[in-house]
Amino acid sequence: MKKIIGNPIKSGNVEIAEYDFPEQMNWHEAKSACAALGDGWRLPTKEELNELYSLKDEIGGFADAYYWSSNEYYGNNAWVQYFFSGNQNANLKYAIYSVRAVR
């Protein structure tokens, strides 16, 4: 798990893990995997995720893929952000997407 955290990047009051999780996962798995890193690691909010997108070139290591946020949207959905275009939308929590932890 230390490989995911790496050398965290600081942006404002948030620390960003240096690496994505090596496998994509559904929303429930993503929440659990981030929490399992310990010490306050979690999924970013949709606002934090948008900030990560705006800094993606400075932070580095992001795929042109969808990333999970912690924000739920009407029960079976949660917000995601597409790191190719920057678009945010809600998708089913059982879809499989990329994950980057923050704290």
C-alpha atoms as a PDB file:
ATOM      1  CA  MET A   1       0.000   0.000   0.000  1.00  0.00           C
ATOM      2  CA  LYS A   2       2.941   2.368   0.513  1.00  0.00           C
ATOM      3  CA  LYS A   3       3.464   2.210  -3.268  1.00  0.00           C
ATOM      4  CA  ILE A   4       0.064   3.933  -3.711  1.00  0.00           C
ATOM      5  CA  ILE A   5       0.793   6.690  -1.210  1.00  0.00           C
ATOM      6  CA  GLY A   6       4.391   7.179  -2.372  1.00  0.00           C
ATOM      7  CA  ASN A   7       5.483  10.739  -1.652  1.00  0.00           C
ATOM      8  CA  PRO A   8       2.153  12.550  -1.164  1.00  0.00           C
ATOM      9  CA  ILE A   9       1.691  15.812  -3.059  1.00  0.00           C
ATOM     10  CA  LYS A  10       0.309  18.714  -1.009  1.00  0.00           C
ATOM     11  CA  SER A  11      -2.342  20.992  -2.554  1.00  0.00           C
ATOM     12  CA  GLY A  12      -3.929  23.436  -0.132  1.00  0.00           C
ATOM     13  CA  ASN A  13      -5.131  21.453   2.878  1.00  0.00           C
ATOM     14  CA  VAL A  14      -5.205  18.151   0.980  1.00  0.00           C
ATOM     15  CA  GLU A  15      -2.503  15.545   0.483  1.00  0.00           C
ATOM     16  CA  ILE A  16      -2.764  13.499  -2.707  1.00  0.00           C
ATOM     17  CA  ALA A  17      -1.378   9.980  -3.027  1.00  0.00           C
ATOM     18  CA  GLU A  18       1.421   9.879  -5.590  1.00  0.00           C
ATOM     19  CA  TYR A  19      -0.093   6.907  -7.474  1.00  0.00           C
ATOM     20  CA  ASP A  20      -3.449   5.476  -8.526  1.00  0.00           C
ATOM     21  CA  PHE A  21      -4.447   2.094  -7.169  1.00  0.00           C
ATOM     22  CA  PRO A  22      -3.067  -0.468  -9.650  1.00  0.00           C
ATOM     23  CA  GLU A  23      -6.513  -1.882 -10.382  1.00  0.00           C
ATOM     24  CA  GLN A  24      -9.780  -0.151 -11.187  1.00  0.00           C
ATOM     25  CA  MET A  25     -12.677  -0.914  -8.845  1.00  0.00           C
ATOM     26  CA  ASN A  26     -16.292  -0.152  -8.062  1.00  0.00           C
ATOM     27  CA  TRP A  27     -17.257   2.684  -5.693  1.00  0.00           C
ATOM     28  CA  HIS A  28     -17.702   0.486  -2.613  1.00  0.00           C
ATOM     29  CA  GLU A  29     -14.322  -1.178  -3.165  1.00  0.00           C
ATOM     30  CA  ALA A  30     -12.724   2.227  -3.798  1.00  0.00           C
ATOM     31  CA  LYS A  31     -14.013   3.657  -0.499  1.00  0.00           C
ATOM     32  CA  SER A  32     -12.781   0.600   1.406  1.00  0.00           C
ATOM     33  CA  ALA A  33      -9.391   0.528  -0.338  1.00  0.00           C
ATOM     34  CA  CYS A  34      -8.727   4.199   0.452  1.00  0.00           C
ATOM     35  CA  ALA A  35      -9.775   3.753   4.105  1.00  0.00           C
ATOM     36  CA  ALA A  36      -7.533   0.663   4.347  1.00  0.00           C
ATOM     37  CA  LEU A  37      -4.520   2.896   3.641  1.00  0.00           C
ATOM     38  CA  GLY A  38      -5.139   4.247   7.177  1.00  0.00           C
ATOM     39  CA  ASP A  39      -4.197   7.611   8.662  1.00  0.00           C
ATOM     40  CA  GLY A  40      -7.117   9.545   7.135  1.00  0.00           C
ATOM     41  CA  TRP A  41      -6.825   8.419   3.499  1.00  0.00           C
ATOM     42  CA  ARG A  42     -10.141   8.515   1.598  1.00  0.00           C
ATOM     43  CA  LEU A  43     -11.788   9.117  -1.769  1.00  0.00           C
ATOM     44  CA  PRO A  44     -11.706  12.775  -2.825  1.00  0.00           C
ATOM     45  CA  THR A  45     -14.929  14.792  -2.864  1.00  0.00           C
ATOM     46  CA  LYS A  46     -16.171  15.814  -6.312  1.00  0.00           C
ATOM     47  CA  GLU A  47     -14.796  19.319  -5.664  1.00  0.00           C
ATOM     48  CA  GLU A  48     -11.386  17.920  -4.683  1.00  0.00           C
ATOM     49  CA  LEU A  49     -11.445  15.642  -7.710  1.00  0.00           C
ATOM     50  CA  ASN A  50     -12.071  18.642  -9.954  1.00  0.00           C
ATOM     51  CA  GLU A  51      -9.064  20.349  -8.325  1.00  0.00           C
ATOM     52  CA  LEU A  52      -6.965  17.236  -8.996  1.00  0.00           C
ATOM     53  CA  TYR A  53      -8.070  17.392 -12.624  1.00  0.00           C
ATOM     54  CA  SER A  54      -7.016  21.044 -12.890  1.00  0.00           C
ATOM     55  CA  LEU A  55      -3.580  20.114 -11.443  1.00  0.00           C
ATOM     56  CA  LYS A  56      -3.242  16.748 -13.208  1.00  0.00           C
ATOM     57  CA  ASP A  57      -0.179  17.762 -15.223  1.00  0.00           C
ATOM     58  CA  GLU A  58       1.602  19.094 -12.128  1.00  0.00           C
ATOM     59  CA  ILE A  59       0.641  16.081  -9.979  1.00  0.00           C
ATOM     60  CA  GLY A  60       1.215  13.516 -12.723  1.00  0.00           C
ATOM     61  CA  GLY A  61       0.365   9.850 -13.107  1.00  0.00           C
ATOM     62  CA  PHE A  62      -3.326  10.185 -13.964  1.00  0.00           C
ATOM     63  CA  ALA A  63      -4.815   8.011 -16.708  1.00  0.00           C
ATOM     64  CA  ASP A  64      -7.237   9.371 -19.307  1.00  0.00           C
ATOM     65  CA  ALA A  65      -9.956   7.535 -17.400  1.00  0.00           C
ATOM     66  CA  TYR A  66     -12.894   8.061 -15.045  1.00  0.00           C
ATOM     67  CA  TYR A  67     -12.048   8.524 -11.342  1.00  0.00           C
ATOM     68  CA  TRP A  68     -14.361   8.009  -8.383  1.00  0.00           C
ATOM     69  CA  SER A  69     -15.336  10.745  -5.946  1.00  0.00           C
ATOM     70  CA  SER A  70     -16.826  10.177  -2.499  1.00  0.00           C
ATOM     71  CA  ASN A  71     -20.031  12.076  -3.377  1.00  0.00           C
ATOM     72  CA  GLU A  72     -23.118   9.948  -3.804  1.00  0.00           C
ATOM     73  CA  TYR A  73     -25.916  10.825  -6.213  1.00  0.00           C
ATOM     74  CA  TYR A  74     -29.361   9.322  -5.645  1.00  0.00           C
ATOM     75  CA  GLY A  75     -28.644   6.009  -3.963  1.00  0.00           C
ATOM     76  CA  ASN A  76     -27.049   3.736  -6.536  1.00  0.00           C
ATOM     77  CA  ASN A  77     -24.901   6.414  -8.186  1.00  0.00           C
ATOM     78  CA  ALA A  78     -21.814   8.417  -7.301  1.00  0.00           C
ATOM     79  CA  TRP A  79     -19.970  11.282  -8.990  1.00  0.00           C
ATOM     80  CA  VAL A  80     -17.031  10.536 -11.270  1.00  0.00           C
ATOM     81  CA  GLN A  81     -14.704  12.739 -13.287  1.00  0.00           C
ATOM     82  CA  TYR A  82     -13.272  11.914 -16.693  1.00  0.00           C
ATOM     83  CA  PHE A  83      -9.602  12.892 -16.675  1.00  0.00           C
ATOM     84  CA  PHE A  84      -9.454  13.169 -20.472  1.00  0.00           C
ATOM     85  CA  SER A  85     -12.048  15.953 -20.809  1.00  0.00           C
ATOM     86  CA  GLY A  86     -12.697  17.074 -17.228  1.00  0.00           C
ATOM     87  CA  ASN A  87     -16.421  16.240 -17.416  1.00  0.00           C
ATOM     88  CA  GLN A  88     -18.136  15.211 -14.190  1.00  0.00           C
ATOM     89  CA  ASN A  89     -21.232  13.043 -14.109  1.00  0.00           C
ATOM     90  CA  ALA A  90     -22.949  10.466 -11.939  1.00  0.00           C
ATOM     91  CA  ASN A  91     -22.558   6.773 -12.721  1.00  0.00           C
ATOM     92  CA  LEU A  92     -23.629   3.520 -11.107  1.00  0.00           C
ATOM     93  CA  LYS A  93     -21.564   2.622  -8.047  1.00  0.00           C
ATOM     94  CA  TYR A  94     -20.958  -0.825  -9.524  1.00  0.00           C
ATOM     95  CA  ALA A  95     -19.084   0.528 -12.556  1.00  0.00           C
ATOM     96  CA  ILE A  96     -15.322  -0.019 -12.529  1.00  0.00           C
ATOM     97  CA  TYR A  97     -13.161   3.134 -12.502  1.00  0.00           C
ATOM     98  CA  SER A  98      -9.769   4.448 -11.410  1.00  0.00           C
ATOM     99  CA  VAL A  99      -9.008   5.547  -7.854  1.00  0.00           C
ATOM    100  CA  ARG A 100      -6.614   8.128  -6.359  1.00  0.00           C
ATOM    101  CA  ALA A 101      -6.661   8.577  -2.560  1.00  0.00           C
ATOM    102  CA  VAL A 102      -6.450  11.878  -0.665  1.00  0.00           C
ATOM    103  CA  ARG A 103      -6.340  12.942   2.981  1.00  0.00           C
END
